[in-house]
């Protein structure tokens, strides 16, 4: 399979198929010096990242870095590790200085900004997010995580309204034919924002959509424990509303 075909599997949320396809390509079909090995390895690393299987992600990330040819993608994933899992501001700042203006790295900065011990201001996050409007899934993720920041650190209800608007824009950018786990998570957080704002009907509808989207994501990757847990939580939230 080509890199583009395997990337499409990833984009559709078919992580087991993408992992298997990369394994076939790098363990037999392609020579060890194939210039696309690094790109294949980093796709596999992202698959494990999305499944929160950190050891697997690190193994494939290291393989991608060793093979070369996917430097931008590997640095972005290192930034995500630094921001989301390791809370390593030194590594994150270093990558941000090396890749100024890169949407993926900026998204990692916004993820880190959500943490209580982060000194990022609301204005700084707004300036990062609103510097972009059109784009692909990376810009959608930026709006998604920008909304999560304003929900984690709301100054007033205006921040919650801003979060809803950011999530609306993220969902438009995610599209309707893939990105199931991203759309499910964004819709879940919309329901939480609507709940905090007392917008009952919008909350109800978002809970139902989130459950449906997590069902689809889990169907595509049934061994993903994180997805299964999110689906269970979504079903509980929907049932709680009905009761």
Protein backbone atom coordinates (compact mmCIF):
# COMPACT_ATOMS: atom_id res chain seq x y z
CA UNK A 1 0.00 0.00 0.00
CA UNK A 2 1.07 3.57 -0.57
CA UNK A 3 1.72 6.09 2.20
CA UNK A 4 -1.36 8.02 1.07
CA UNK A 5 -3.56 4.92 1.30
CA UNK A 6 -2.35 4.12 4.81
CA UNK A 7 -2.74 7.77 5.84
CA UNK A 8 -6.34 7.56 4.65
CA UNK A 9 -6.92 4.55 6.92
CA UNK A 10 -5.61 6.64 9.82
CA UNK A 11 -7.79 9.61 8.85
CA UNK A 12 -10.85 7.35 8.79
CA UNK A 13 -10.06 6.07 12.29
CA UNK A 14 -9.16 2.59 11.08
CA UNK A 15 -6.12 2.37 13.33
CA UNK A 16 -5.78 -1.45 13.47
CA UNK A 17 -5.82 -1.63 9.67
CA UNK A 18 -3.29 1.18 9.39
CA UNK A 19 -0.97 -0.47 11.94
CA UNK A 20 -1.22 -3.80 10.12
CA UNK A 21 -0.58 -2.17 6.75
CA UNK A 22 2.53 -0.38 8.02
CA UNK A 23 3.79 -3.66 9.50
CA UNK A 24 3.46 -5.39 6.14
CA UNK A 25 5.27 -2.59 4.33
CA UNK A 26 8.22 -2.16 6.70
CA UNK A 27 8.79 -5.82 7.58
CA UNK A 28 8.82 -7.35 4.14
CA UNK A 29 7.56 -5.42 1.16
CA UNK A 30 10.01 -2.53 1.30
CA UNK A 31 13.78 -2.38 1.58
CA UNK A 32 15.17 -1.06 4.85
CA UNK A 33 16.48 2.04 3.04
CA UNK A 34 13.18 2.87 1.35
CA UNK A 35 12.82 6.68 1.63
CA UNK A 36 9.19 6.34 2.79
CA UNK A 37 9.91 4.12 5.80
CA UNK A 38 10.00 7.14 8.12
CA UNK A 39 6.64 8.38 6.90
CA UNK A 40 5.11 4.94 7.41
CA UNK A 41 6.57 4.62 10.91
CA UNK A 42 5.25 7.98 12.04
CA UNK A 43 1.73 7.11 10.84
CA UNK A 44 1.96 3.97 12.96
CA UNK A 45 3.23 6.03 15.91
CA UNK A 46 0.21 8.33 15.63
CA UNK A 47 -2.09 5.29 15.54
CA UNK A 48 -0.68 4.08 18.84
CA UNK A 49 -0.88 7.63 20.22
CA UNK A 50 -4.60 7.79 19.41
CA UNK A 51 -5.04 4.50 21.26
CA UNK A 52 -3.09 5.92 24.23
CA UNK A 53 -0.64 3.05 23.91
CA UNK A 54 2.35 5.23 24.74
CA UNK A 55 5.10 2.59 24.61
CA UNK A 56 4.06 1.52 21.13
CA UNK A 57 3.88 5.13 20.00
CA UNK A 58 7.39 5.81 21.30
CA UNK A 59 8.84 2.72 19.62
CA UNK A 60 7.45 3.70 16.22
CA UNK A 61 8.33 7.35 16.75
CA UNK A 62 11.92 6.35 17.40
CA UNK A 63 11.86 4.21 14.26
CA UNK A 64 10.57 7.16 12.23
CA UNK A 65 13.30 9.44 13.59
CA UNK A 66 15.97 6.86 12.82
CA UNK A 67 14.70 6.29 9.27
CA UNK A 68 14.35 9.98 8.47
CA UNK A 69 12.14 11.56 5.86
CA UNK A 70 9.36 12.61 8.25
CA UNK A 71 11.07 15.19 10.43
CA UNK A 72 8.15 17.60 10.67
CA UNK A 73 5.68 14.87 11.66
CA UNK A 74 8.02 13.38 14.27
CA UNK A 75 8.71 16.76 15.86
CA UNK A 76 4.98 17.43 16.08
CA UNK A 77 4.44 14.14 17.87
CA UNK A 78 7.33 14.90 20.23
CA UNK A 79 5.59 18.20 20.99
CA UNK A 80 2.36 16.35 21.77
CA UNK A 81 4.19 14.00 24.12
CA UNK A 82 5.83 16.97 25.86
CA UNK A 83 2.52 18.82 26.23
CA UNK A 84 -0.01 16.11 26.89
CA UNK A 85 1.77 13.31 28.69
CA UNK A 86 5.16 14.44 29.94
CA UNK A 87 4.36 18.11 30.78
CA UNK A 88 7.89 18.92 29.66
CA UNK A 89 7.88 22.65 28.97
CA UNK A 90 11.58 22.66 28.07
CA UNK A 91 11.12 20.22 25.20
CA UNK A 92 7.89 21.93 24.13
CA UNK A 93 9.47 25.40 24.07
CA UNK A 94 12.45 24.08 22.13
CA UNK A 95 10.27 22.56 19.42
CA UNK A 96 8.07 25.68 19.29
CA UNK A 97 11.17 27.84 18.73
CA UNK A 98 12.38 25.49 16.01
CA UNK A 99 9.00 25.42 14.25
CA UNK A 100 7.40 28.84 14.83
CA UNK A 101 3.89 29.12 13.42
CA UNK A 102 3.46 25.38 12.88
CA UNK A 103 -0.19 24.56 13.58
CA UNK A 104 0.55 21.16 15.08
CA UNK A 105 3.08 22.57 17.53
CA UNK A 106 0.82 25.50 18.38
CA UNK A 107 -1.90 22.97 19.13
CA UNK A 108 0.46 21.25 21.56
CA UNK A 109 1.05 24.62 23.27
CA UNK A 110 -2.70 25.14 23.65
CA UNK A 111 -3.08 21.64 25.11
CA UNK A 112 -0.42 22.49 27.68
CA UNK A 113 -2.13 25.84 28.39
CA UNK A 114 -5.15 23.97 29.77
CA UNK A 115 -3.14 22.72 32.75
CA UNK A 116 -3.51 24.53 36.05
CA UNK A 117 0.20 25.23 36.34
CA UNK A 118 0.45 26.79 32.87
CA UNK A 119 0.92 30.56 32.70
CA UNK A 120 -0.57 30.98 29.22
CA UNK A 121 -3.12 33.80 29.22
CA UNK A 122 -6.56 33.82 27.62
CA UNK A 123 -5.42 36.50 25.17
CA UNK A 124 -2.39 34.45 24.14
CA UNK A 125 -4.56 31.42 23.41
CA UNK A 126 -7.08 33.53 21.47
CA UNK A 127 -4.27 34.99 19.37
CA UNK A 128 -2.89 31.53 18.59
CA UNK A 129 -6.24 30.03 17.62
CA UNK A 130 -7.72 32.95 15.70
CA UNK A 131 -4.60 33.35 13.58
CA UNK A 132 -6.07 30.47 11.55
CA UNK A 133 -9.52 29.99 10.10
CA UNK A 134 -9.43 27.65 7.12
CA UNK A 135 -7.44 24.46 7.13
CA UNK A 136 -7.42 20.73 7.66
CA UNK A 137 -7.70 18.54 10.73
CA UNK A 138 -4.74 20.25 12.40
CA UNK A 139 -6.59 23.58 12.44
CA UNK A 140 -9.74 21.79 13.60
CA UNK A 141 -7.73 20.36 16.49
CA UNK A 142 -6.44 23.84 17.32
CA UNK A 143 -9.99 25.18 17.65
CA UNK A 144 -11.03 22.07 19.57
CA UNK A 145 -8.26 22.46 22.12
CA UNK A 146 -8.72 26.21 22.25
CA UNK A 147 -12.29 25.55 23.33
CA UNK A 148 -11.07 23.09 25.93
CA UNK A 149 -8.81 25.83 27.34
CA UNK A 150 -11.70 28.28 27.75
CA UNK A 151 -13.77 25.56 29.39
CA UNK A 152 -10.95 24.58 31.74
CA UNK A 153 -10.29 28.19 32.75
CA UNK A 154 -13.51 30.15 32.20
CA UNK A 155 -13.57 33.70 33.48
CA UNK A 156 -17.31 34.02 32.87
CA UNK A 157 -20.08 32.69 30.62
CA UNK A 158 -18.65 34.59 27.65
CA UNK A 159 -15.74 32.16 27.67
CA UNK A 160 -18.19 29.26 27.52
CA UNK A 161 -20.00 30.85 24.58
CA UNK A 162 -16.63 31.32 22.90
CA UNK A 163 -15.86 27.64 23.50
CA UNK A 164 -19.12 26.58 21.85
CA UNK A 165 -18.29 28.71 18.82
CA UNK A 166 -14.80 27.27 18.59
CA UNK A 167 -16.17 23.74 18.75
CA UNK A 168 -18.72 24.56 16.04
CA UNK A 169 -15.89 25.69 13.80
CA UNK A 170 -13.78 22.64 14.64
CA UNK A 171 -16.63 20.32 13.72
CA UNK A 172 -17.08 22.07 10.38
CA UNK A 173 -13.40 21.59 9.62
CA UNK A 174 -13.47 17.92 10.71
CA UNK A 175 -16.07 17.23 8.02
CA UNK A 176 -18.62 14.44 7.98
CA UNK A 177 -16.83 11.39 6.54
CA UNK A 178 -14.03 10.71 9.01
CA UNK A 179 -12.30 12.02 12.12
CA UNK A 180 -14.89 10.14 14.17
CA UNK A 181 -13.02 10.28 17.47
CA UNK A 182 -12.24 13.99 17.06
CA UNK A 183 -15.85 14.77 16.25
CA UNK A 184 -17.10 12.63 19.12
CA UNK A 185 -14.84 14.38 21.62
CA UNK A 186 -15.71 17.84 20.31
CA UNK A 187 -19.42 17.08 20.49
CA UNK A 188 -19.05 15.77 24.04
CA UNK A 189 -17.42 19.03 25.11
CA UNK A 190 -20.18 20.96 23.38
CA UNK A 191 -22.69 19.12 25.54
CA UNK A 192 -20.69 20.03 28.66
CA UNK A 193 -20.60 23.70 27.66
CA UNK A 194 -24.32 23.73 26.91
CA UNK A 195 -24.97 22.07 30.28
CA UNK A 196 -22.96 24.75 32.11
CA UNK A 197 -24.83 27.47 30.24
CA UNK A 198 -28.22 25.93 31.07
CA UNK A 199 -29.02 25.30 27.39
CA UNK A 200 -31.02 22.15 27.97
CA UNK A 201 -32.12 21.21 24.47
CA UNK A 202 -28.70 21.84 22.94
CA UNK A 203 -27.16 19.76 25.72
CA UNK A 204 -29.57 16.89 25.06
CA UNK A 205 -28.88 16.89 21.32
CA UNK A 206 -25.12 17.04 21.76
CA UNK A 207 -25.14 14.13 24.21
CA UNK A 208 -27.01 12.01 21.70
CA UNK A 209 -24.68 12.95 18.82
CA UNK A 210 -21.59 12.30 20.94
CA UNK A 211 -22.83 8.81 21.79
CA UNK A 212 -23.49 8.06 18.11
CA UNK A 213 -20.06 9.29 17.08
CA UNK A 214 -18.29 7.26 19.77
CA UNK A 215 -20.20 4.21 18.60
CA UNK A 216 -18.81 4.71 15.11
CA UNK A 217 -15.26 5.35 16.36
CA UNK A 218 -15.43 2.21 18.52
CA UNK A 219 -16.82 0.18 15.64
CA UNK A 220 -13.79 1.13 13.53
CA UNK A 221 -11.31 0.35 16.33
CA UNK A 222 -13.01 -2.11 18.70
CA UNK A 223 -9.81 -2.89 20.63
CA UNK A 224 -9.29 0.78 21.54
CA UNK A 225 -9.92 0.84 25.29
CA UNK A 226 -10.04 4.62 25.39
CA UNK A 227 -12.77 4.71 22.77
CA UNK A 228 -14.73 2.00 24.59
CA UNK A 229 -14.51 3.96 27.85
CA UNK A 230 -15.60 7.16 26.11
CA UNK A 231 -18.54 5.33 24.57
CA UNK A 232 -19.58 3.99 27.96
CA UNK A 233 -19.33 7.49 29.42
CA UNK A 234 -21.35 8.94 26.54
CA UNK A 235 -24.10 6.39 27.06
CA UNK A 236 -24.18 7.23 30.77
CA UNK A 237 -24.43 10.96 30.06
CA UNK A 238 -27.29 10.38 27.65
CA UNK A 239 -29.09 8.12 30.15
CA UNK A 240 -28.58 10.62 32.98
CA UNK A 241 -30.29 13.30 30.95
CA UNK A 242 -33.21 11.03 30.11
CA UNK A 243 -33.70 10.14 33.79
